[in-house]
Amino acid sequence: MPNKDLITIESVIPNMRVANKKQALLELSERAAQLSGLDAREIFDALLQRERLGSTGVGNGIAIPHSKLAKAQTLFGVFARLEKPINFDSLDAQPVDILFLLIAPDSAGADHLTALSRVARSLRDKGLVAKLRATHDASAIYSLLVQAPKSYAA
């Protein structure tokens, strides 16, 4: 499942201004709700519950908050580039400035894990992440995210 199947240009937030992890998750939840018709509070609560299990801050300034929701009809994502890095309780204790939210239906099963793996793999590309950090335009960020990296293009 390529990133283009997960996001749209409307799901890219190029300059999110937040002060902390909770606020970031709230902003992501609100955008996800606008795009999906799901309830923002349900998304936010599910994300908080997932974070209690362990931080989704994967290191190198990147977090991939994710959850499954019974009312979700499809697998989708929201990308945010933060104006200023925030503490996200990441595995490497470094602040986060790149967030890729992933929401899946309860029935998604392996598709959820496949999408999560693909997002994580694409965000391990240091060149891509450097470009994402340097870009402040939603359409340019979207273009970067949906390009299939050479290392695993079909």
N, C-alpha and C. Protein backbone atom coordinates (compact mmCIF):
# COMPACT_ATOMS: atom_id res chain seq x y z
N MET A 1 0.84 -1.19 0.00
CA MET A 1 0.00 0.00 0.00
C MET A 1 0.89 1.25 0.00
N PRO A 2 0.95 1.95 -1.09
CA PRO A 2 1.77 3.16 -1.15
C PRO A 2 1.15 4.31 -0.35
N ASN A 3 2.00 5.28 0.01
CA ASN A 3 1.52 6.42 0.79
C ASN A 3 0.39 7.16 0.09
N LYS A 4 0.37 7.14 -1.25
CA LYS A 4 -0.70 7.85 -1.97
C LYS A 4 -2.07 7.25 -1.68
N ASP A 5 -2.11 6.01 -1.20
CA ASP A 5 -3.38 5.40 -0.81
C ASP A 5 -3.79 5.78 0.60
N LEU A 6 -2.90 6.45 1.33
CA LEU A 6 -3.17 6.81 2.71
C LEU A 6 -3.50 8.28 2.91
N ILE A 7 -2.93 9.13 2.08
CA ILE A 7 -3.11 10.57 2.30
C ILE A 7 -3.57 11.28 1.04
N THR A 8 -4.10 12.47 1.27
CA THR A 8 -4.45 13.39 0.19
C THR A 8 -3.75 14.71 0.51
N ILE A 9 -3.79 15.61 -0.41
CA ILE A 9 -3.17 16.91 -0.14
C ILE A 9 -3.86 17.60 1.04
N GLU A 10 -5.16 17.34 1.22
CA GLU A 10 -5.89 17.95 2.34
C GLU A 10 -5.47 17.38 3.69
N SER A 11 -4.82 16.23 3.68
CA SER A 11 -4.39 15.62 4.94
C SER A 11 -2.96 15.98 5.30
N VAL A 12 -2.40 16.96 4.62
CA VAL A 12 -1.05 17.45 4.92
C VAL A 12 -1.15 18.79 5.65
N ILE A 13 -0.54 18.84 6.82
CA ILE A 13 -0.48 20.08 7.61
C ILE A 13 1.00 20.53 7.58
N PRO A 14 1.32 21.54 6.78
CA PRO A 14 2.72 21.87 6.56
C PRO A 14 3.42 22.65 7.68
N ASN A 15 2.68 23.35 8.51
CA ASN A 15 3.29 24.20 9.53
C ASN A 15 2.47 24.19 10.83
N MET A 16 2.35 23.02 11.44
CA MET A 16 1.53 22.91 12.65
C MET A 16 2.25 23.59 13.82
N ARG A 17 1.48 24.39 14.55
CA ARG A 17 2.01 25.07 15.73
C ARG A 17 1.36 24.47 16.98
N VAL A 18 2.14 23.71 17.72
CA VAL A 18 1.66 23.11 18.96
C VAL A 18 2.76 23.21 20.01
N ALA A 19 2.34 23.14 21.28
CA ALA A 19 3.30 23.27 22.37
C ALA A 19 3.69 21.94 22.99
N ASN A 20 2.86 20.90 22.77
CA ASN A 20 3.15 19.62 23.42
C ASN A 20 2.50 18.47 22.67
N LYS A 21 2.78 17.27 23.14
CA LYS A 21 2.29 16.04 22.52
C LYS A 21 0.77 15.98 22.50
N LYS A 22 0.15 16.30 23.61
CA LYS A 22 -1.31 16.22 23.70
C LYS A 22 -1.97 17.16 22.69
N GLN A 23 -1.44 18.36 22.59
CA GLN A 23 -1.98 19.34 21.65
C GLN A 23 -1.78 18.86 20.20
N ALA A 24 -0.63 18.25 19.94
CA ALA A 24 -0.37 17.72 18.59
C ALA A 24 -1.38 16.63 18.24
N LEU A 25 -1.63 15.72 19.18
CA LEU A 25 -2.59 14.65 18.93
C LEU A 25 -4.00 15.20 18.74
N LEU A 26 -4.33 16.24 19.47
CA LEU A 26 -5.64 16.87 19.33
C LEU A 26 -5.79 17.50 17.94
N GLU A 27 -4.78 18.23 17.49
CA GLU A 27 -4.81 18.85 16.16
C GLU A 27 -4.92 17.79 15.06
N LEU A 28 -4.13 16.72 15.19
CA LEU A 28 -4.20 15.64 14.21
C LEU A 28 -5.58 15.00 14.20
N SER A 29 -6.15 14.80 15.40
CA SER A 29 -7.49 14.20 15.52
C SER A 29 -8.54 15.07 14.85
N GLU A 30 -8.42 16.38 15.03
CA GLU A 30 -9.39 17.29 14.42
C GLU A 30 -9.31 17.25 12.90
N ARG A 31 -8.09 17.23 12.36
CA ARG A 31 -7.95 17.15 10.89
C ARG A 31 -8.47 15.80 10.39
N ALA A 32 -8.15 14.73 11.10
CA ALA A 32 -8.62 13.41 10.70
C ALA A 32 -10.15 13.36 10.71
N ALA A 33 -10.76 13.99 11.70
CA ALA A 33 -12.22 14.02 11.79
C ALA A 33 -12.83 14.78 10.61
N GLN A 34 -12.22 15.91 10.25
CA GLN A 34 -12.71 16.69 9.11
C GLN A 34 -12.67 15.87 7.82
N LEU A 35 -11.62 15.09 7.67
CA LEU A 35 -11.43 14.32 6.44
C LEU A 35 -12.28 13.06 6.38
N SER A 36 -12.57 12.49 7.52
CA SER A 36 -13.21 11.17 7.55
C SER A 36 -14.66 11.17 8.01
N GLY A 37 -15.09 12.23 8.69
CA GLY A 37 -16.43 12.23 9.25
C GLY A 37 -16.50 11.54 10.60
N LEU A 38 -15.37 11.02 11.08
CA LEU A 38 -15.31 10.40 12.40
C LEU A 38 -15.33 11.49 13.47
N ASP A 39 -15.60 11.10 14.69
CA ASP A 39 -15.63 12.04 15.81
C ASP A 39 -14.20 12.33 16.28
N ALA A 40 -13.84 13.61 16.34
CA ALA A 40 -12.49 14.02 16.74
C ALA A 40 -12.14 13.51 18.13
N ARG A 41 -13.10 13.56 19.05
CA ARG A 41 -12.83 13.11 20.42
C ARG A 41 -12.55 11.61 20.47
N GLU A 42 -13.27 10.83 19.67
CA GLU A 42 -13.02 9.38 19.63
C GLU A 42 -11.62 9.09 19.09
N ILE A 43 -11.22 9.82 18.07
CA ILE A 43 -9.88 9.64 17.51
C ILE A 43 -8.84 10.01 18.56
N PHE A 44 -9.02 11.16 19.18
CA PHE A 44 -8.08 11.64 20.20
C PHE A 44 -7.96 10.65 21.35
N ASP A 45 -9.10 10.17 21.85
CA ASP A 45 -9.09 9.22 22.96
C ASP A 45 -8.36 7.93 22.58
N ALA A 46 -8.60 7.46 21.36
CA ALA A 46 -7.93 6.24 20.89
C ALA A 46 -6.42 6.45 20.79
N LEU A 47 -6.01 7.62 20.33
CA LEU A 47 -4.58 7.92 20.23
C LEU A 47 -3.94 8.01 21.61
N LEU A 48 -4.63 8.66 22.55
CA LEU A 48 -4.09 8.74 23.91
C LEU A 48 -3.96 7.35 24.53
N GLN A 49 -4.96 6.52 24.31
CA GLN A 49 -4.92 5.16 24.84
C GLN A 49 -3.72 4.41 24.25
N ARG A 50 -3.48 4.57 22.95
CA ARG A 50 -2.33 3.91 22.31
C ARG A 50 -1.02 4.44 22.87
N GLU A 51 -0.93 5.75 23.10
CA GLU A 51 0.30 6.33 23.64
C GLU A 51 0.60 5.83 25.05
N ARG A 52 -0.44 5.48 25.81
CA ARG A 52 -0.23 4.94 27.16
C ARG A 52 0.47 3.59 27.12
N LEU A 53 0.32 2.87 26.01
CA LEU A 53 0.99 1.58 25.85
C LEU A 53 2.48 1.76 25.58
N GLY A 54 2.84 2.90 25.06
CA GLY A 54 4.22 3.21 24.70
C GLY A 54 4.21 4.28 23.64
N SER A 55 5.19 5.14 23.69
CA SER A 55 5.23 6.25 22.75
C SER A 55 5.36 5.76 21.31
N THR A 56 4.69 6.47 20.43
CA THR A 56 4.82 6.19 19.00
C THR A 56 5.90 7.08 18.37
N GLY A 57 6.67 7.76 19.23
CA GLY A 57 7.84 8.49 18.76
C GLY A 57 8.93 7.48 18.45
N VAL A 58 9.23 7.31 17.16
CA VAL A 58 10.12 6.23 16.73
C VAL A 58 11.59 6.64 16.67
N GLY A 59 11.87 7.91 16.89
CA GLY A 59 13.25 8.38 16.86
C GLY A 59 13.52 9.29 15.68
N ASN A 60 14.65 9.97 15.74
CA ASN A 60 15.07 10.89 14.68
C ASN A 60 14.07 12.00 14.41
N GLY A 61 13.33 12.41 15.46
CA GLY A 61 12.38 13.51 15.30
C GLY A 61 11.07 13.12 14.65
N ILE A 62 10.77 11.83 14.61
CA ILE A 62 9.59 11.32 13.91
C ILE A 62 8.69 10.55 14.87
N ALA A 63 7.37 10.76 14.72
CA ALA A 63 6.38 9.98 15.46
C ALA A 63 5.32 9.50 14.48
N ILE A 64 4.81 8.29 14.74
CA ILE A 64 3.76 7.72 13.90
C ILE A 64 2.61 7.28 14.81
N PRO A 65 1.86 8.26 15.33
CA PRO A 65 0.71 7.89 16.16
C PRO A 65 -0.30 7.13 15.31
N HIS A 66 -0.88 6.08 15.89
CA HIS A 66 -1.81 5.26 15.13
C HIS A 66 -2.81 4.58 16.05
N SER A 67 -3.93 4.22 15.45
CA SER A 67 -4.97 3.51 16.19
C SER A 67 -5.95 2.89 15.23
N LYS A 68 -6.69 1.90 15.73
CA LYS A 68 -7.81 1.33 15.00
C LYS A 68 -9.09 1.86 15.63
N LEU A 69 -10.08 2.12 14.79
CA LEU A 69 -11.38 2.61 15.26
C LEU A 69 -12.49 1.80 14.61
N ALA A 70 -13.46 1.41 15.41
CA ALA A 70 -14.59 0.61 14.91
C ALA A 70 -15.36 1.34 13.80
N LYS A 71 -15.51 2.65 13.93
CA LYS A 71 -16.31 3.40 12.96
C LYS A 71 -15.54 3.82 11.71
N ALA A 72 -14.24 3.62 11.70
CA ALA A 72 -13.45 3.98 10.51
C ALA A 72 -13.84 3.08 9.35
N GLN A 73 -14.04 3.67 8.20
CA GLN A 73 -14.43 2.92 7.00
C GLN A 73 -13.24 2.50 6.15
N THR A 74 -12.15 3.24 6.29
CA THR A 74 -10.98 2.99 5.47
C THR A 74 -9.72 3.37 6.23
N LEU A 75 -8.62 2.88 5.76
CA LEU A 75 -7.31 3.21 6.30
C LEU A 75 -6.89 4.56 5.72
N PHE A 76 -6.48 5.50 6.59
CA PHE A 76 -6.05 6.80 6.08
C PHE A 76 -5.04 7.45 7.03
N GLY A 77 -4.37 8.46 6.52
CA GLY A 77 -3.36 9.14 7.31
C GLY A 77 -3.46 10.65 7.25
N VAL A 78 -2.78 11.28 8.19
CA VAL A 78 -2.62 12.73 8.24
C VAL A 78 -1.15 12.99 8.54
N PHE A 79 -0.53 13.84 7.74
CA PHE A 79 0.88 14.18 7.94
C PHE A 79 0.98 15.60 8.48
N ALA A 80 1.87 15.80 9.45
CA ALA A 80 2.11 17.15 9.96
C ALA A 80 3.60 17.39 10.13
N ARG A 81 4.01 18.57 9.72
CA ARG A 81 5.36 19.06 9.94
C ARG A 81 5.23 20.18 10.97
N LEU A 82 5.88 20.02 12.11
CA LEU A 82 5.76 21.00 13.18
C LEU A 82 6.71 22.17 12.96
N GLU A 83 6.25 23.36 13.29
CA GLU A 83 7.13 24.52 13.19
C GLU A 83 8.27 24.43 14.20
N LYS A 84 7.96 23.92 15.39
CA LYS A 84 8.98 23.74 16.42
C LYS A 84 8.84 22.35 17.00
N PRO A 85 9.97 21.64 17.16
CA PRO A 85 9.91 20.29 17.72
C PRO A 85 9.34 20.28 19.14
N ILE A 86 8.68 19.17 19.49
CA ILE A 86 8.09 19.01 20.81
C ILE A 86 8.55 17.70 21.43
N ASN A 87 8.47 17.62 22.75
CA ASN A 87 8.75 16.37 23.44
C ASN A 87 7.63 15.40 23.12
N PHE A 88 7.98 14.17 22.73
CA PHE A 88 6.99 13.17 22.39
C PHE A 88 7.27 11.86 23.11
N ASP A 89 8.16 11.92 24.12
CA ASP A 89 8.55 10.71 24.85
C ASP A 89 9.10 9.65 23.89
N SER A 90 9.84 10.10 22.90
CA SER A 90 10.36 9.21 21.86
C SER A 90 11.38 8.22 22.41
N LEU A 91 11.56 7.15 21.67
CA LEU A 91 12.51 6.10 22.07
C LEU A 91 13.93 6.64 22.26
N ASP A 92 14.30 7.62 21.43
CA ASP A 92 15.65 8.19 21.53
C ASP A 92 15.70 9.48 22.36
N ALA A 93 14.59 9.82 23.00
CA ALA A 93 14.46 11.02 23.86
C ALA A 93 14.66 12.33 23.10
N GLN A 94 14.62 12.30 21.78
CA GLN A 94 14.76 13.50 20.97
C GLN A 94 13.38 14.09 20.67
N PRO A 95 13.30 15.43 20.55
CA PRO A 95 12.01 16.05 20.22
C PRO A 95 11.57 15.68 18.80
N VAL A 96 10.27 15.78 18.57
CA VAL A 96 9.65 15.37 17.31
C VAL A 96 9.17 16.59 16.53
N ASP A 97 9.39 16.57 15.21
CA ASP A 97 8.85 17.62 14.36
C ASP A 97 8.16 17.07 13.11
N ILE A 98 8.14 15.75 12.96
CA ILE A 98 7.46 15.09 11.84
C ILE A 98 6.49 14.08 12.44
N LEU A 99 5.20 14.21 12.08
CA LEU A 99 4.16 13.30 12.57
C LEU A 99 3.38 12.73 11.40
N PHE A 100 3.15 11.44 11.44
CA PHE A 100 2.30 10.79 10.43
C PHE A 100 1.27 9.97 11.18
N LEU A 101 0.06 10.49 11.27
CA LEU A 101 -1.04 9.81 11.93
C LEU A 101 -1.61 8.75 10.99
N LEU A 102 -1.90 7.59 11.55
CA LEU A 102 -2.50 6.52 10.78
C LEU A 102 -3.72 5.99 11.53
N ILE A 103 -4.87 5.99 10.86
CA ILE A 103 -6.11 5.48 11.43
C ILE A 103 -6.58 4.32 10.55
N ALA A 104 -6.99 3.23 11.21
CA ALA A 104 -7.44 2.05 10.48
C ALA A 104 -8.76 1.55 11.05
N PRO A 105 -9.56 0.91 10.21
CA PRO A 105 -10.76 0.26 10.73
C PRO A 105 -10.36 -0.93 11.61
N ASP A 106 -11.20 -1.30 12.55
CA ASP A 106 -10.93 -2.48 13.38
C ASP A 106 -10.66 -3.71 12.53
N SER A 107 -11.32 -3.79 11.40
CA SER A 107 -11.21 -4.96 10.53
C SER A 107 -9.96 -4.95 9.64
N ALA A 108 -9.12 -3.93 9.75
CA ALA A 108 -7.99 -3.78 8.83
C ALA A 108 -6.96 -4.91 8.94
N GLY A 109 -6.81 -5.48 10.12
CA GLY A 109 -5.88 -6.60 10.29
C GLY A 109 -4.49 -6.29 9.78
N ALA A 110 -4.00 -7.14 8.88
CA ALA A 110 -2.64 -7.01 8.37
C ALA A 110 -2.44 -5.74 7.55
N ASP A 111 -3.50 -5.21 6.96
CA ASP A 111 -3.36 -3.97 6.18
C ASP A 111 -2.87 -2.82 7.05
N HIS A 112 -3.32 -2.77 8.30
CA HIS A 112 -2.87 -1.74 9.23
C HIS A 112 -1.38 -1.86 9.47
N LEU A 113 -0.91 -3.08 9.72
CA LEU A 113 0.51 -3.30 9.96
C LEU A 113 1.35 -3.03 8.71
N THR A 114 0.83 -3.38 7.57
CA THR A 114 1.53 -3.12 6.31
C THR A 114 1.68 -1.62 6.08
N ALA A 115 0.60 -0.88 6.31
CA ALA A 115 0.65 0.58 6.15
C ALA A 115 1.60 1.21 7.15
N LEU A 116 1.54 0.76 8.38
CA LEU A 116 2.43 1.28 9.41
C LEU A 116 3.89 1.02 9.05
N SER A 117 4.16 -0.16 8.56
CA SER A 117 5.52 -0.52 8.14
C SER A 117 5.99 0.34 6.97
N ARG A 118 5.11 0.57 6.00
CA ARG A 118 5.47 1.37 4.83
C ARG A 118 5.77 2.81 5.23
N VAL A 119 4.94 3.37 6.09
CA VAL A 119 5.16 4.74 6.55
C VAL A 119 6.49 4.82 7.30
N ALA A 120 6.72 3.88 8.20
CA ALA A 120 7.97 3.88 8.97
C ALA A 120 9.18 3.75 8.05
N ARG A 121 9.07 2.86 7.07
CA ARG A 121 10.18 2.66 6.13
C ARG A 121 10.45 3.93 5.33
N SER A 122 9.39 4.58 4.85
CA SER A 122 9.61 5.79 4.05
C SER A 122 10.21 6.90 4.90
N LEU A 123 9.82 6.98 6.17
CA LEU A 123 10.35 8.05 7.03
C LEU A 123 11.72 7.72 7.61
N ARG A 124 12.25 6.55 7.31
CA ARG A 124 13.64 6.24 7.66
C ARG A 124 14.60 6.78 6.60
N ASP A 125 14.06 7.20 5.47
CA ASP A 125 14.87 7.75 4.39
C ASP A 125 15.31 9.16 4.79
N LYS A 126 16.58 9.30 5.16
CA LYS A 126 17.08 10.58 5.67
C LYS A 126 16.97 11.71 4.66
N GLY A 127 17.14 11.38 3.39
CA GLY A 127 17.01 12.40 2.34
C GLY A 127 15.58 12.91 2.25
N LEU A 128 14.63 12.00 2.29
CA LEU A 128 13.23 12.39 2.24
C LEU A 128 12.87 13.24 3.45
N VAL A 129 13.27 12.81 4.62
CA VAL A 129 12.94 13.55 5.85
C VAL A 129 13.56 14.95 5.83
N ALA A 130 14.78 15.06 5.32
CA ALA A 130 15.43 16.39 5.22
C ALA A 130 14.61 17.30 4.30
N LYS A 131 14.12 16.75 3.19
CA LYS A 131 13.29 17.54 2.27
C LYS A 131 11.97 17.92 2.92
N LEU A 132 11.36 17.00 3.65
CA LEU A 132 10.10 17.29 4.34
C LEU A 132 10.29 18.42 5.35
N ARG A 133 11.41 18.38 6.06
CA ARG A 133 11.69 19.42 7.07
C ARG A 133 11.94 20.78 6.43
N ALA A 134 12.45 20.78 5.21
CA ALA A 134 12.78 22.03 4.54
C ALA A 134 11.61 22.62 3.75
N THR A 135 10.53 21.87 3.64
CA THR A 135 9.40 22.27 2.81
C THR A 135 8.26 22.80 3.67
N HIS A 136 7.68 23.92 3.25
CA HIS A 136 6.59 24.55 4.00
C HIS A 136 5.29 24.61 3.20
N ASP A 137 5.25 23.92 2.07
CA ASP A 137 4.10 23.95 1.19
C ASP A 137 3.42 22.58 1.18
N ALA A 138 2.11 22.55 1.42
CA ALA A 138 1.37 21.29 1.51
C ALA A 138 1.49 20.46 0.24
N SER A 139 1.37 21.09 -0.91
CA SER A 139 1.42 20.31 -2.16
C SER A 139 2.81 19.73 -2.40
N ALA A 140 3.85 20.46 -2.03
CA ALA A 140 5.21 19.94 -2.19
C ALA A 140 5.47 18.78 -1.22
N ILE A 141 4.97 18.92 0.01
CA ILE A 141 5.11 17.84 0.99
C ILE A 141 4.37 16.60 0.50
N TYR A 142 3.14 16.80 0.02
CA TYR A 142 2.35 15.69 -0.51
C TYR A 142 3.11 14.98 -1.63
N SER A 143 3.67 15.73 -2.55
CA SER A 143 4.42 15.13 -3.66
C SER A 143 5.59 14.30 -3.16
N LEU A 144 6.29 14.81 -2.16
CA LEU A 144 7.42 14.06 -1.59
C LEU A 144 6.94 12.75 -0.96
N LEU A 145 5.84 12.82 -0.24
CA LEU A 145 5.35 11.65 0.48
C LEU A 145 4.83 10.55 -0.44
N VAL A 146 4.27 10.91 -1.59
CA VAL A 146 3.66 9.89 -2.45
C VAL A 146 4.61 9.34 -3.50
N GLN A 147 5.80 9.90 -3.61
CA GLN A 147 6.78 9.34 -4.54
C GLN A 147 7.27 8.02 -3.97
N ALA A 148 7.26 6.98 -4.77
CA ALA A 148 7.73 5.66 -4.32
C ALA A 148 9.24 5.67 -4.23
N PRO A 149 9.80 5.48 -3.05
CA PRO A 149 11.27 5.41 -2.93
C PRO A 149 11.82 4.26 -3.76
N LYS A 150 12.99 4.49 -4.33
CA LYS A 150 13.62 3.48 -5.20
C LYS A 150 13.87 2.17 -4.46
N SER A 151 14.11 2.26 -3.14
CA SER A 151 14.48 1.06 -2.39
C SER A 151 13.36 0.03 -2.30
N TYR A 152 12.10 0.44 -2.47
CA TYR A 152 11.01 -0.54 -2.41
C TYR A 152 9.87 -0.25 -3.35
N ALA A 153 10.19 0.38 -4.46
CA ALA A 153 9.15 0.64 -5.47
C ALA A 153 8.72 -0.70 -6.09
N ALA A 154 7.48 -0.77 -6.48
CA ALA A 154 6.96 -2.02 -7.04
C ALA A 154 7.51 -2.28 -8.43
